[in-house]
Amino acid sequence: MATRAPSDDEVPEPSLIEAARGGDARAFETLLKRHEARVFRVLRLLGVAAADRDDVAQNVFLRMFRSLDGFRAGRPFSSWVYKIAANAALDWRVQSDRKRREEAPWDEAIDEAARAPEAGQLELSRRLEAALDTLSERERAVFVLVEMEGIERADAARALGITRITLRRHLGLAKARLRLGLGEKKNRPR
């Protein structure tokens, strides 16, 4: 009786990474498929405009391919991918800010509205993204990775190249600013 070869979804990630490092294009493609949705979500949450997300995501995937040999085994691959995505989003923001100074700003709300399934979610999404825009780049990256993506704090700190103490400080500042931006008041005992 012949044994069935495992499907791409069943192959463990470390095996895919090693195969991709060895030049296996299919293994690399499988890695991309596994992380593609997360990359797009993180780029959106880090403020990359809808019109530019595909290009920035392609940049993330290209950076992944070029630096795959630099990935250290034993570390979470997803944290490494988040780090690349966060850096690509930061690069995009720098370039975008430069362009914005030269061009008239546009309103992304129309584009986002076309993608939102429900009006209530749309309003909440708009409010949250507007509040995220009030955060510094580092605060936004920390908040998105830890609170919205659920990455462990140690992994997020490693992905962003900061200490856990610095991460905690930025996360606290981000939460305080978001409460203000969303109009919430922190309940304090009297």
C-alpha atoms as a PDB file:
ATOM      1  CA  MET A   1       0.000   0.000   0.000  1.00  0.00           C
ATOM      2  CA  ALA A   2       1.473   3.327  -1.079  1.00  0.00           C
ATOM      3  CA  THR A   3       1.612   6.144   1.437  1.00  0.00           C
ATOM      4  CA  ARG A   4      -0.010   9.381   0.503  1.00  0.00           C
ATOM      5  CA  ALA A   5       2.238  12.436   0.157  1.00  0.00           C
ATOM      6  CA  PRO A   6       1.230  15.212   2.571  1.00  0.00           C
ATOM      7  CA  SER A   7      -0.610  18.193   1.097  1.00  0.00           C
ATOM      8  CA  ASP A   8       0.975  21.641   1.286  1.00  0.00           C
ATOM      9  CA  ASP A   9      -1.250  22.467   4.261  1.00  0.00           C
ATOM     10  CA  GLU A  10       0.043  19.466   6.199  1.00  0.00           C
ATOM     11  CA  VAL A  11       3.766  20.137   5.755  1.00  0.00           C
ATOM     12  CA  PRO A  12       5.295  21.594   8.939  1.00  0.00           C
ATOM     13  CA  GLU A  13       6.570  25.148   8.599  1.00  0.00           C
ATOM     14  CA  PRO A  14      10.208  24.338   9.490  1.00  0.00           C
ATOM     15  CA  SER A  15      10.282  21.803   6.644  1.00  0.00           C
ATOM     16  CA  LEU A  16       8.878  24.374   4.232  1.00  0.00           C
ATOM     17  CA  ILE A  17      11.457  26.940   5.339  1.00  0.00           C
ATOM     18  CA  GLU A  18      14.335  24.527   4.772  1.00  0.00           C
ATOM     19  CA  ALA A  19      12.949  23.490   1.385  1.00  0.00           C
ATOM     20  CA  ALA A  20      12.478  27.144   0.373  1.00  0.00           C
ATOM     21  CA  ARG A  21      16.036  27.931   1.449  1.00  0.00           C
ATOM     22  CA  GLY A  22      17.136  25.116  -0.836  1.00  0.00           C
ATOM     23  CA  GLY A  23      15.397  26.748  -3.798  1.00  0.00           C
ATOM     24  CA  ASP A  24      12.042  24.931  -3.707  1.00  0.00           C
ATOM     25  CA  ALA A  25       9.688  27.512  -5.231  1.00  0.00           C
ATOM     26  CA  ARG A  26       6.591  25.525  -4.273  1.00  0.00           C
ATOM     27  CA  ALA A  27       7.630  25.494  -0.599  1.00  0.00           C
ATOM     28  CA  PHE A  28       8.156  29.254  -0.666  1.00  0.00           C
ATOM     29  CA  GLU A  29       4.784  29.739  -2.351  1.00  0.00           C
ATOM     30  CA  THR A  30       3.151  27.658   0.395  1.00  0.00           C
ATOM     31  CA  LEU A  31       4.801  29.857   3.043  1.00  0.00           C
ATOM     32  CA  LEU A  32       3.469  32.944   1.280  1.00  0.00           C
ATOM     33  CA  LYS A  33      -0.054  31.515   1.128  1.00  0.00           C
ATOM     34  CA  ARG A  34       0.053  30.743   4.850  1.00  0.00           C
ATOM     35  CA  HIS A  35       1.063  34.283   5.774  1.00  0.00           C
ATOM     36  CA  GLU A  36      -0.482  36.388   3.000  1.00  0.00           C
ATOM     37  CA  ALA A  37      -3.714  37.300   4.815  1.00  0.00           C
ATOM     38  CA  ARG A  38      -1.792  38.331   7.944  1.00  0.00           C
ATOM     39  CA  VAL A  39       0.574  40.504   5.911  1.00  0.00           C
ATOM     40  CA  PHE A  40      -2.322  42.322   4.245  1.00  0.00           C
ATOM     41  CA  ARG A  41      -4.135  42.766   7.581  1.00  0.00           C
ATOM     42  CA  VAL A  42      -1.014  44.161   9.276  1.00  0.00           C
ATOM     43  CA  LEU A  43      -0.334  46.518   6.375  1.00  0.00           C
ATOM     44  CA  ARG A  44      -3.909  47.814   6.576  1.00  0.00           C
ATOM     45  CA  LEU A  45      -3.722  48.259  10.326  1.00  0.00           C
ATOM     46  CA  LEU A  46      -0.382  50.025  10.038  1.00  0.00           C
ATOM     47  CA  GLY A  47      -1.981  52.569   7.739  1.00  0.00           C
ATOM     48  CA  VAL A  48      -0.895  51.472   4.269  1.00  0.00           C
ATOM     49  CA  ALA A  49      -3.421  52.910   1.818  1.00  0.00           C
ATOM     50  CA  ALA A  50      -5.692  50.394   0.106  1.00  0.00           C
ATOM     51  CA  ALA A  51      -4.413  51.522  -3.290  1.00  0.00           C
ATOM     52  CA  ASP A  52      -0.830  50.699  -2.272  1.00  0.00           C
ATOM     53  CA  ARG A  53      -1.297  47.511  -0.224  1.00  0.00           C
ATOM     54  CA  ASP A  54      -0.688  45.092  -3.095  1.00  0.00           C
ATOM     55  CA  ASP A  55       2.596  46.815  -3.975  1.00  0.00           C
ATOM     56  CA  VAL A  56       3.766  46.971  -0.371  1.00  0.00           C
ATOM     57  CA  ALA A  57       2.784  43.325   0.189  1.00  0.00           C
ATOM     58  CA  GLN A  58       4.779  42.337  -2.894  1.00  0.00           C
ATOM     59  CA  ASN A  59       7.702  44.217  -1.381  1.00  0.00           C
ATOM     60  CA  VAL A  60       7.241  42.216   1.846  1.00  0.00           C
ATOM     61  CA  PHE A  61       7.212  38.940  -0.062  1.00  0.00           C
ATOM     62  CA  LEU A  62      10.290  39.941  -2.056  1.00  0.00           C
ATOM     63  CA  ARG A  63      12.115  40.873   1.161  1.00  0.00           C
ATOM     64  CA  MET A  64      11.099  37.508   2.634  1.00  0.00           C
ATOM     65  CA  PHE A  65      12.524  35.701  -0.376  1.00  0.00           C
ATOM     66  CA  ARG A  66      15.773  37.678  -0.380  1.00  0.00           C
ATOM     67  CA  SER A  67      16.410  37.314   3.338  1.00  0.00           C
ATOM     68  CA  LEU A  68      15.087  33.808   3.986  1.00  0.00           C
ATOM     69  CA  ASP A  69      18.626  32.601   4.702  1.00  0.00           C
ATOM     70  CA  GLY A  70      18.763  35.162   7.536  1.00  0.00           C
ATOM     71  CA  PHE A  71      15.775  33.648   9.338  1.00  0.00           C
ATOM     72  CA  ARG A  72      16.955  31.971  12.530  1.00  0.00           C
ATOM     73  CA  ALA A  73      15.487  28.525  13.087  1.00  0.00           C
ATOM     74  CA  GLY A  74      13.783  28.081  16.437  1.00  0.00           C
ATOM     75  CA  ARG A  75      12.191  31.522  16.307  1.00  0.00           C
ATOM     76  CA  PRO A  76       8.575  32.027  15.293  1.00  0.00           C
ATOM     77  CA  PHE A  77       8.441  32.504  11.536  1.00  0.00           C
ATOM     78  CA  SER A  78       5.323  34.651  11.890  1.00  0.00           C
ATOM     79  CA  SER A  79       7.241  37.165  14.066  1.00  0.00           C
ATOM     80  CA  TRP A  80       9.901  37.393  11.397  1.00  0.00           C
ATOM     81  CA  VAL A  81       7.216  38.010   8.757  1.00  0.00           C
ATOM     82  CA  TYR A  82       5.575  40.678  10.966  1.00  0.00           C
ATOM     83  CA  LYS A  83       8.914  42.432  11.344  1.00  0.00           C
ATOM     84  CA  ILE A  84       9.371  42.564   7.580  1.00  0.00           C
ATOM     85  CA  ALA A  85       5.792  43.798   7.120  1.00  0.00           C
ATOM     86  CA  ALA A  86       6.172  46.478   9.809  1.00  0.00           C
ATOM     87  CA  ASN A  87       9.400  47.713   8.226  1.00  0.00           C
ATOM     88  CA  ALA A  88       7.818  47.769   4.763  1.00  0.00           C
ATOM     89  CA  ALA A  89       4.849  49.735   6.141  1.00  0.00           C
ATOM     90  CA  LEU A  90       7.218  52.218   7.767  1.00  0.00           C
ATOM     91  CA  ASP A  91       9.132  52.611   4.499  1.00  0.00           C
ATOM     92  CA  TRP A  92       5.833  53.166   2.681  1.00  0.00           C
ATOM     93  CA  ARG A  93       4.756  55.803   5.219  1.00  0.00           C
ATOM     94  CA  VAL A  94       8.010  57.704   4.786  1.00  0.00           C
ATOM     95  CA  GLN A  95       7.642  57.646   0.988  1.00  0.00           C
ATOM     96  CA  SER A  96       3.948  58.450   1.226  1.00  0.00           C
ATOM     97  CA  ASP A  97       4.566  61.426   3.495  1.00  0.00           C
ATOM     98  CA  ARG A  98       7.119  62.707   1.010  1.00  0.00           C
ATOM     99  CA  LYS A  99       4.619  62.340  -1.859  1.00  0.00           C
ATOM    100  CA  ARG A 100       1.794  63.817   0.206  1.00  0.00           C
ATOM    101  CA  ARG A 101       3.756  67.021   0.659  1.00  0.00           C
ATOM    102  CA  GLU A 102       4.015  67.271  -3.116  1.00  0.00           C
ATOM    103  CA  GLU A 103       0.473  66.181  -4.035  1.00  0.00           C
ATOM    104  CA  ALA A 104      -3.024  66.958  -2.798  1.00  0.00           C
ATOM    105  CA  PRO A 105      -4.172  64.445  -0.135  1.00  0.00           C
ATOM    106  CA  TRP A 106      -6.935  62.001  -1.006  1.00  0.00           C
ATOM    107  CA  ASP A 107      -9.652  60.476   1.117  1.00  0.00           C
ATOM    108  CA  GLU A 108      -9.352  56.708   1.548  1.00  0.00           C
ATOM    109  CA  ALA A 109     -12.725  56.449   3.279  1.00  0.00           C
ATOM    110  CA  ILE A 110     -14.564  55.904  -0.017  1.00  0.00           C
ATOM    111  CA  ASP A 111     -12.277  53.026  -0.971  1.00  0.00           C
ATOM    112  CA  GLU A 112     -12.565  51.438   2.478  1.00  0.00           C
ATOM    113  CA  ALA A 113     -16.349  51.893   2.491  1.00  0.00           C
ATOM    114  CA  ALA A 114     -16.642  49.825  -0.666  1.00  0.00           C
ATOM    115  CA  ARG A 115     -14.840  46.943   1.050  1.00  0.00           C
ATOM    116  CA  ALA A 116     -16.717  46.935   4.389  1.00  0.00           C
ATOM    117  CA  PRO A 117     -19.561  44.413   4.681  1.00  0.00           C
ATOM    118  CA  GLU A 118     -21.695  46.168   7.290  1.00  0.00           C
ATOM    119  CA  ALA A 119     -22.312  49.823   8.109  1.00  0.00           C
ATOM    120  CA  GLY A 120     -21.763  49.323  11.858  1.00  0.00           C
ATOM    121  CA  GLN A 121     -18.447  47.643  11.257  1.00  0.00           C
ATOM    122  CA  LEU A 122     -17.529  50.362   8.787  1.00  0.00           C
ATOM    123  CA  GLU A 123     -18.097  53.114  11.333  1.00  0.00           C
ATOM    124  CA  LEU A 124     -16.138  51.262  14.009  1.00  0.00           C
ATOM    125  CA  SER A 125     -13.378  50.497  11.528  1.00  0.00           C
ATOM    126  CA  ARG A 126     -13.191  54.170  10.491  1.00  0.00           C
ATOM    127  CA  ARG A 127     -13.053  55.336  14.086  1.00  0.00           C
ATOM    128  CA  LEU A 128     -10.359  52.831  14.994  1.00  0.00           C
ATOM    129  CA  GLU A 129      -8.227  53.591  11.942  1.00  0.00           C
ATOM    130  CA  ALA A 130      -8.591  57.335  12.572  1.00  0.00           C
ATOM    131  CA  ALA A 131      -7.530  56.775  16.175  1.00  0.00           C
ATOM    132  CA  LEU A 132      -4.595  54.613  15.024  1.00  0.00           C
ATOM    133  CA  ASP A 133      -3.466  57.542  12.860  1.00  0.00           C
ATOM    134  CA  THR A 134      -2.953  59.604  16.020  1.00  0.00           C
ATOM    135  CA  LEU A 135      -0.296  57.195  17.305  1.00  0.00           C
ATOM    136  CA  SER A 136       3.406  57.407  16.621  1.00  0.00           C
ATOM    137  CA  GLU A 137       4.808  54.818  14.211  1.00  0.00           C
ATOM    138  CA  ARG A 138       6.241  52.746  17.070  1.00  0.00           C
ATOM    139  CA  GLU A 139       3.077  52.947  19.205  1.00  0.00           C
ATOM    140  CA  ARG A 140       0.955  51.906  16.255  1.00  0.00           C
ATOM    141  CA  ALA A 141       3.213  48.983  15.362  1.00  0.00           C
ATOM    142  CA  VAL A 142       3.278  47.755  18.974  1.00  0.00           C
ATOM    143  CA  PHE A 143      -0.505  48.059  19.385  1.00  0.00           C
ATOM    144  CA  VAL A 144      -1.284  46.331  16.084  1.00  0.00           C
ATOM    145  CA  LEU A 145       1.084  43.432  16.670  1.00  0.00           C
ATOM    146  CA  VAL A 146       0.219  42.798  20.335  1.00  0.00           C
ATOM    147  CA  GLU A 147      -3.440  43.753  20.679  1.00  0.00           C
ATOM    148  CA  MET A 148      -4.840  43.259  17.196  1.00  0.00           C
ATOM    149  CA  GLU A 149      -2.691  40.405  15.901  1.00  0.00           C
ATOM    150  CA  GLY A 150      -2.253  38.667  19.261  1.00  0.00           C
ATOM    151  CA  ILE A 151       1.498  38.218  19.017  1.00  0.00           C
ATOM    152  CA  GLU A 152       3.252  37.448  22.291  1.00  0.00           C
ATOM    153  CA  ARG A 153       4.935  40.536  23.712  1.00  0.00           C
ATOM    154  CA  ALA A 154       8.414  38.997  23.614  1.00  0.00           C
ATOM    155  CA  ASP A 155       7.966  38.051  19.951  1.00  0.00           C
ATOM    156  CA  ALA A 156       6.589  41.495  19.074  1.00  0.00           C
ATOM    157  CA  ALA A 157       9.506  43.196  20.841  1.00  0.00           C
ATOM    158  CA  ARG A 158      11.938  40.975  18.940  1.00  0.00           C
ATOM    159  CA  ALA A 159      10.136  41.648  15.651  1.00  0.00           C
ATOM    160  CA  LEU A 160      10.344  45.413  16.201  1.00  0.00           C
ATOM    161  CA  GLY A 161      13.900  45.345  17.518  1.00  0.00           C
ATOM    162  CA  ILE A 162      13.042  46.839  20.915  1.00  0.00           C
ATOM    163  CA  THR A 163      13.155  45.639  24.514  1.00  0.00           C
ATOM    164  CA  ARG A 164      10.075  44.297  26.284  1.00  0.00           C
ATOM    165  CA  ILE A 165      10.168  47.283  28.631  1.00  0.00           C
ATOM    166  CA  THR A 166      10.116  49.671  25.679  1.00  0.00           C
ATOM    167  CA  LEU A 167       7.305  47.649  24.127  1.00  0.00           C
ATOM    168  CA  ARG A 168       5.294  47.855  27.361  1.00  0.00           C
ATOM    169  CA  ARG A 169       5.807  51.627  27.519  1.00  0.00           C
ATOM    170  CA  HIS A 170       4.714  52.152  23.895  1.00  0.00           C
ATOM    171  CA  LEU A 171       1.738  49.831  24.365  1.00  0.00           C
ATOM    172  CA  GLY A 172       0.581  51.777  27.425  1.00  0.00           C
ATOM    173  CA  LEU A 173       0.910  55.090  25.576  1.00  0.00           C
ATOM    174  CA  ALA A 174      -0.920  53.665  22.562  1.00  0.00           C
ATOM    175  CA  LYS A 175      -3.820  52.424  24.686  1.00  0.00           C
ATOM    176  CA  ALA A 176      -4.127  55.757  26.494  1.00  0.00           C
ATOM    177  CA  ARG A 177      -4.131  57.715  23.224  1.00  0.00           C
ATOM    178  CA  LEU A 178      -6.612  55.337  21.623  1.00  0.00           C
ATOM    179  CA  ARG A 179      -8.979  55.711  24.580  1.00  0.00           C
ATOM    180  CA  LEU A 180      -8.853  59.467  24.091  1.00  0.00           C
ATOM    181  CA  GLY A 181      -9.189  59.153  20.325  1.00  0.00           C
ATOM    182  CA  LEU A 182     -12.189  56.856  20.621  1.00  0.00           C
ATOM    183  CA  GLY A 183     -13.795  59.037  23.283  1.00  0.00           C
ATOM    184  CA  GLU A 184     -13.562  56.463  26.069  1.00  0.00           C
ATOM    185  CA  LYS A 185     -12.754  57.392  29.609  1.00  0.00           C
ATOM    186  CA  LYS A 186     -10.806  55.042  31.792  1.00  0.00           C
ATOM    187  CA  ASN A 187     -12.772  54.122  34.884  1.00  0.00           C
ATOM    188  CA  ARG A 188     -10.777  55.093  37.920  1.00  0.00           C
ATOM    189  CA  PRO A 189     -11.782  54.231  41.473  1.00  0.00           C
ATOM    190  CA  ARG A 190     -12.416  57.265  43.637  1.00  0.00           C
END
